[in-house]
Amino acid sequence: TRSQPFKPVRFEMHFPNVRKLSLSKFQISNKLTRPDLLGFGDYNLEELDLGSSNLDEISGDAFESTPSVKKLVLAKNNLRRIDHNAFKPIGRSLIQLDLNDGLAGRYLNCFSIFGELSSLQFANLMNNNLEGFEQFNPTTGSSSCFENANRIKFLYLDFNSLRSVSRELLSPLADLVTFSASFNK
């Protein structure tokens, strides 16, 4: 018989003390939802690696049981959709976000990713073939991508297809120490 993909929701055990969880290269499903992470560290989980997990969507409730995550790796996925407010539960704790080769679209929807990440300091958006940023927030009327994620110190946009980076895009980032956009157009 053919083996079934790994499904965390099928675990009957509970691991409340887990601080670091790597599900890299495990096919959870194409959509990350709250039940996929239940039982793993729950409110104590600090590092979560979902790299190479064949994800193409993150639901709005995905991180509700993991509000203490400080480092999130979503590299080498094919994310086409991230629900609005998906990152809200981890918005005050997340410091590092790795989306290296993790996005599918050519235009980054800033507010679905950065709209709630007020503690973010490191953002890796390399190797995504990005051509630009959708910066308008229909809820607040703001046109700044990093308005709420204004604590970013390290921003990597290398190996994309960007032709320019606007002043408005970077203006909220007063603490920016390293900005890299090599190998773009």
Protein backbone atom coordinates (compact mmCIF):
# COMPACT_ATOMS: atom_id res chain seq x y z
CA THR A 1 0.00 0.00 0.00
CA ARG A 2 1.05 3.57 -0.56
CA SER A 3 2.11 5.50 2.53
CA GLN A 4 0.01 8.44 3.63
CA PRO A 5 1.51 11.95 4.06
CA PHE A 6 2.42 13.01 7.58
CA LYS A 7 -0.56 14.65 9.28
CA PRO A 8 0.11 16.21 12.70
CA VAL A 9 -3.62 16.26 13.48
CA ARG A 10 -3.53 12.46 13.64
CA PHE A 11 -1.21 12.45 16.66
CA GLU A 12 -3.01 11.46 19.80
CA MET A 13 -0.15 12.58 22.03
CA HIS A 14 0.30 16.10 23.33
CA PHE A 15 3.72 17.78 23.54
CA PRO A 16 3.18 21.02 25.52
CA ASN A 17 6.88 21.58 26.32
CA VAL A 18 8.17 21.66 22.75
CA ARG A 19 10.01 24.95 22.07
CA LYS A 20 11.34 24.21 18.58
CA LEU A 21 9.39 22.29 15.95
CA SER A 22 10.62 21.32 12.50
CA LEU A 23 8.13 19.91 10.05
CA SER A 24 10.38 20.79 7.14
CA LYS A 25 9.77 18.62 4.09
CA PHE A 26 6.72 17.02 5.66
CA GLN A 27 3.64 17.43 3.57
CA ILE A 28 1.06 18.67 6.05
CA SER A 29 -1.44 19.52 3.34
CA ASN A 30 -1.44 22.37 0.89
CA LYS A 31 -3.23 24.58 3.41
CA LEU A 32 -1.90 25.27 6.91
CA THR A 33 -4.69 25.47 9.49
CA ARG A 34 -4.88 25.57 13.29
CA PRO A 35 -5.37 21.78 13.77
CA ASP A 36 -2.07 21.16 11.93
CA LEU A 37 -0.14 22.72 14.84
CA LEU A 38 -2.27 21.70 17.83
CA GLY A 39 -0.46 19.62 20.41
CA PHE A 40 3.04 20.78 19.49
CA GLY A 41 4.29 23.16 22.16
CA ASP A 42 1.02 25.02 21.96
CA TYR A 43 1.52 28.32 23.73
CA ASN A 44 5.24 27.65 24.42
CA LEU A 45 6.44 27.04 20.85
CA GLU A 46 9.17 29.56 19.90
CA GLU A 47 10.64 28.26 16.61
CA LEU A 48 8.63 26.75 13.78
CA ASP A 49 10.16 25.41 10.57
CA LEU A 50 7.66 24.61 7.82
CA GLY A 51 10.16 24.89 4.98
CA SER A 52 9.70 22.71 1.89
CA SER A 53 6.28 21.58 3.10
CA ASN A 54 4.41 22.14 -0.16
CA LEU A 55 2.25 24.87 1.39
CA ASP A 56 0.25 27.09 -0.94
CA GLU A 57 -2.14 28.64 1.60
CA ILE A 58 -2.17 29.74 5.24
CA SER A 59 -5.54 30.10 6.90
CA GLY A 60 -6.48 32.93 9.24
CA ASP A 61 -6.50 30.64 12.29
CA ALA A 62 -3.23 28.77 11.61
CA PHE A 63 -1.18 30.31 14.43
CA GLU A 64 -3.87 30.75 17.10
CA SER A 65 -2.43 27.98 19.29
CA THR A 66 1.18 29.15 18.83
CA PRO A 67 1.26 32.85 19.84
CA SER A 68 4.84 32.67 21.23
CA VAL A 69 6.57 31.86 17.93
CA LYS A 70 9.66 34.05 17.51
CA LYS A 71 11.15 32.43 14.41
CA LEU A 72 9.06 31.19 11.47
CA VAL A 73 10.53 29.47 8.41
CA LEU A 74 8.24 29.22 5.38
CA ALA A 75 11.07 28.91 2.84
CA LYS A 76 10.77 26.75 -0.27
CA ASN A 77 7.01 26.60 -0.36
CA ASN A 78 4.59 27.83 -3.00
CA LEU A 79 2.44 30.26 -1.02
CA ARG A 80 -0.24 31.78 -3.22
CA ARG A 81 -2.58 32.93 -0.47
CA ILE A 82 -2.11 34.07 3.09
CA ASP A 83 -5.40 34.96 4.72
CA HIS A 84 -5.76 38.47 6.12
CA ASN A 85 -4.73 38.45 9.80
CA ALA A 86 -3.12 34.99 9.53
CA PHE A 87 -0.05 36.32 11.34
CA LYS A 88 -2.01 38.33 13.93
CA PRO A 89 -1.64 35.73 16.74
CA ILE A 90 2.17 35.86 16.39
CA GLY A 91 2.36 39.56 15.55
CA ARG A 92 3.78 40.64 18.90
CA SER A 93 6.23 37.74 19.28
CA LEU A 94 7.62 37.03 15.79
CA ILE A 95 11.14 38.39 15.32
CA GLN A 96 12.38 36.38 12.29
CA LEU A 97 10.43 35.51 9.14
CA ASP A 98 12.06 33.46 6.40
CA LEU A 99 10.14 33.39 3.10
CA ASN A 100 13.16 32.58 0.91
CA ASP A 101 11.73 30.98 -2.25
CA GLY A 102 8.42 30.60 -0.42
CA LEU A 103 6.02 32.81 -2.39
CA ALA A 104 4.27 32.05 -5.68
CA GLY A 105 2.96 35.45 -6.82
CA ARG A 106 4.86 38.22 -8.56
CA TYR A 107 3.39 40.93 -6.33
CA LEU A 108 3.65 40.73 -2.57
CA ASN A 109 0.48 41.52 -0.64
CA CYS A 110 2.21 43.46 2.13
CA PHE A 111 -0.67 43.63 4.55
CA SER A 112 -1.49 39.93 4.59
CA ILE A 113 2.12 39.30 5.62
CA PHE A 114 3.43 42.39 7.42
CA GLY A 115 0.21 44.05 8.59
CA GLU A 116 0.30 42.55 12.10
CA LEU A 117 4.03 41.86 12.64
CA SER A 118 4.89 44.68 15.03
CA SER A 119 7.93 42.89 16.56
CA LEU A 120 9.51 41.66 13.32
CA GLN A 121 13.23 42.48 13.02
CA PHE A 122 14.42 40.10 10.26
CA ALA A 123 12.63 39.49 6.94
CA ASN A 124 14.03 37.28 4.20
CA LEU A 125 12.11 37.63 0.92
CA MET A 126 14.90 36.43 -1.38
CA ASN A 127 14.38 34.24 -4.47
CA ASN A 128 10.68 34.91 -4.96
CA ASN A 129 10.66 36.47 -8.43
CA LEU A 130 8.85 39.49 -6.95
CA GLU A 131 8.16 42.37 -9.31
CA GLY A 132 6.54 44.68 -6.79
CA PHE A 133 4.52 45.27 -3.67
CA GLU A 134 0.79 45.72 -3.20
CA GLN A 135 1.02 48.48 -0.63
CA PHE A 136 -2.50 49.78 -0.23
CA ASN A 137 -4.31 48.64 2.92
CA PRO A 138 -8.07 48.83 2.25
CA THR A 139 -8.84 48.66 5.98
CA THR A 140 -6.76 51.65 7.11
CA GLY A 141 -6.19 53.42 3.80
CA SER A 142 -2.45 53.31 4.42
CA SER A 143 -0.06 52.95 1.50
CA SER A 144 3.04 51.89 3.42
CA CYS A 145 3.99 48.21 3.29
CA PHE A 146 5.91 48.21 6.56
CA GLU A 147 3.76 50.67 8.53
CA ASN A 148 3.14 48.17 11.36
CA ALA A 149 6.32 46.13 10.86
CA ASN A 150 8.47 49.20 11.39
CA ARG A 151 11.02 47.50 13.68
CA ILE A 152 12.65 45.58 10.84
CA LYS A 153 16.44 45.83 11.06
CA PHE A 154 17.37 43.31 8.36
CA LEU A 155 15.50 43.17 5.03
CA TYR A 156 16.66 40.90 2.20
CA LEU A 157 15.09 41.22 -1.26
CA ASP A 158 17.90 39.64 -3.31
CA PHE A 159 17.27 37.50 -6.40
CA ASN A 160 13.85 38.88 -7.28
CA SER A 161 12.63 40.80 -10.35
CA LEU A 162 12.30 44.24 -8.79
CA ARG A 163 12.98 47.25 -11.02
CA SER A 164 12.81 49.82 -8.23
CA VAL A 165 12.15 50.23 -4.53
CA SER A 166 10.10 53.26 -3.59
CA ARG A 167 10.84 55.67 -0.79
CA GLU A 168 7.36 55.01 0.59
CA LEU A 169 8.16 51.31 0.91
CA LEU A 170 11.17 51.85 3.16
CA SER A 171 10.26 55.10 4.95
CA PRO A 172 8.71 53.43 8.06
CA LEU A 173 11.89 51.40 8.63
CA ALA A 174 13.83 53.86 10.81
CA ASP A 175 15.74 51.00 12.53
CA LEU A 176 16.92 49.40 9.27
CA VAL A 177 20.56 48.27 9.59
CA THR A 178 20.90 45.96 6.59
CA PHE A 179 19.03 46.30 3.31
CA SER A 180 20.00 44.01 0.44
CA ALA A 181 18.41 43.94 -3.00
CA SER A 182 21.18 42.47 -5.15
CA PHE A 183 20.48 40.58 -8.37
CA ASN A 184 17.21 42.27 -9.29
CA LYS A 185 16.27 44.06 -12.51
